[in-house]
Amino acid sequence: MTPSTEPTASAPSSARALRFVALGGFLALFASLVLTTIVVLEDAIAGDGRGGPAVGAAFWALGLGAVLGLVAAVPPRAALAHGVRKGAVLLQYTLAVIAPLFALMD
C-alpha cells in the first residue's frame, strides 16, 4: 500500500470547522473589547486618570487577535497548513482572554 498525498475526506470539513471557530473568535474579541474598555474607563474615573503601558498592550492584543482571526478565516484551504490555521485560532482566543487581564494590571 503506497501513501497518498491527496487530502483525506476530513480535511475540508476540518478546515471549514476551524474557519467557523475563527469567526466565532471575533465575537469573543468583541466581548473582550467591551470588557477591556469598561476596565480602562473605570480605572480612568476611579484611578489616577492615566492609562499605563498595560492598557496599550491590552488594545494591541485585541488588534493582533483580529489579525490572527483573519489569517485563520480568509485564506483557502490549500494556502494555509492545518496546524498554522489551528495555531492562529488558538492564539486568537488566547489574546481575547489576555486583553482584559492586561487592562486590569494597570
Protein backbone atom coordinates (compact mmCIF):
# COMPACT_ATOMS: atom_id res chain seq x y z
CA MET A 1 0.00 0.00 0.00
CA THR A 2 1.51 3.32 -1.05
CA PRO A 3 0.94 6.53 0.90
CA SER A 4 -1.32 9.04 -0.80
CA THR A 5 -0.65 12.76 -0.96
CA GLU A 6 -4.30 13.58 -1.54
CA PRO A 7 -6.12 15.23 1.34
CA THR A 8 -8.34 13.00 3.40
CA ALA A 9 -12.10 13.40 3.48
CA SER A 10 -11.93 15.01 6.91
CA ALA A 11 -9.50 17.75 5.85
CA PRO A 12 -12.03 20.05 4.12
CA SER A 13 -14.54 19.77 6.93
CA SER A 14 -11.77 20.33 9.47
CA ALA A 15 -10.64 23.49 7.69
CA ARG A 16 -14.24 24.63 7.46
CA ALA A 17 -14.77 23.97 11.16
CA LEU A 18 -11.66 25.97 12.04
CA ARG A 19 -12.95 28.84 9.91
CA PHE A 20 -16.23 28.87 11.84
CA VAL A 21 -14.35 28.74 15.12
CA ALA A 22 -12.19 31.66 13.92
CA LEU A 23 -15.32 33.64 13.02
CA GLY A 24 -16.67 32.88 16.49
CA GLY A 25 -13.41 34.26 17.81
CA PHE A 26 -14.43 37.67 16.52
CA LEU A 27 -17.40 37.54 18.92
CA ALA A 28 -15.01 36.67 21.72
CA LEU A 29 -12.76 39.57 20.68
CA PHE A 30 -15.74 41.93 20.67
CA ALA A 31 -16.77 40.84 24.16
CA SER A 32 -13.16 41.24 25.24
CA LEU A 33 -13.07 44.74 23.72
CA VAL A 34 -16.18 45.74 25.68
CA LEU A 35 -14.77 44.31 28.91
CA THR A 36 -11.36 45.92 28.34
CA THR A 37 -12.99 49.29 27.63
CA ILE A 38 -15.07 49.03 30.80
CA VAL A 39 -11.97 48.24 32.86
CA VAL A 40 -9.99 51.10 31.32
CA LEU A 41 -12.80 53.63 31.77
CA GLU A 42 -13.38 52.55 35.36
CA ASP A 43 -9.68 52.97 36.05
CA ALA A 44 -9.71 56.39 34.41
CA ILE A 45 -12.64 57.56 36.53
CA ALA A 46 -11.69 55.98 39.86
CA GLY A 47 -7.92 55.89 39.48
CA ASP A 48 -5.35 58.47 38.50
CA GLY A 49 -6.93 59.16 35.12
CA ARG A 50 -4.00 57.90 33.08
CA GLY A 51 -3.60 54.72 31.12
CA GLY A 52 -0.31 52.95 31.54
CA PRO A 53 1.59 50.67 29.19
CA ALA A 54 -0.62 47.72 30.13
CA VAL A 55 -3.63 49.49 28.60
CA GLY A 56 -1.76 49.89 25.36
CA ALA A 57 -0.74 46.24 25.46
CA ALA A 58 -4.37 45.23 26.01
CA PHE A 59 -5.61 47.07 22.93
CA TRP A 60 -2.67 45.84 20.85
CA ALA A 61 -3.55 42.28 21.92
CA LEU A 62 -7.10 42.80 20.65
CA GLY A 63 -5.84 44.12 17.32
CA LEU A 64 -3.41 41.24 16.94
CA GLY A 65 -6.19 38.80 17.78
CA ALA A 66 -8.32 40.28 14.99
CA VAL A 67 -5.46 39.93 12.51
CA LEU A 68 -4.93 36.32 13.55
CA GLY A 69 -8.65 35.68 13.11
CA LEU A 70 -8.45 36.98 9.56
CA VAL A 71 -5.37 34.84 8.91
CA ALA A 72 -7.29 31.77 10.07
CA ALA A 73 -10.59 32.52 8.32
CA VAL A 74 -9.74 34.06 4.95
CA PRO A 75 -7.07 32.02 3.08
CA PRO A 76 -8.18 28.98 1.11
CA ARG A 77 -7.51 25.51 2.48
CA ALA A 78 -4.56 24.88 0.17
CA ALA A 79 -2.83 28.15 1.04
CA LEU A 80 -2.54 27.55 4.77
CA ALA A 81 -1.50 24.41 6.61
CA HIS A 82 -3.93 22.95 9.11
CA GLY A 83 -1.50 23.39 12.01
CA VAL A 84 -0.93 27.05 11.20
CA ARG A 85 -4.67 27.71 10.96
CA LYS A 86 -5.24 25.87 14.25
CA GLY A 87 -2.46 27.84 15.95
CA ALA A 88 -3.88 31.13 14.69
CA VAL A 89 -7.31 30.29 16.12
CA LEU A 90 -5.78 29.25 19.43
CA LEU A 91 -3.79 32.49 19.65
CA GLN A 92 -6.88 34.49 18.70
CA TYR A 93 -8.83 33.13 21.67
CA THR A 94 -5.82 33.44 23.96
CA LEU A 95 -5.41 37.11 23.12
CA ALA A 96 -9.14 37.68 23.65
CA VAL A 97 -8.75 36.33 27.20
CA ILE A 98 -5.47 38.11 27.94
CA ALA A 99 -6.50 41.61 26.83
CA PRO A 100 -8.78 42.40 29.82
CA LEU A 101 -6.18 40.92 32.14
CA PHE A 102 -3.61 43.36 30.75
CA ALA A 103 -6.03 46.21 31.37
CA LEU A 104 -6.56 45.03 34.94
CA MET A 105 -2.81 45.10 35.53
CA ASP A 106 -2.72 48.85 35.02
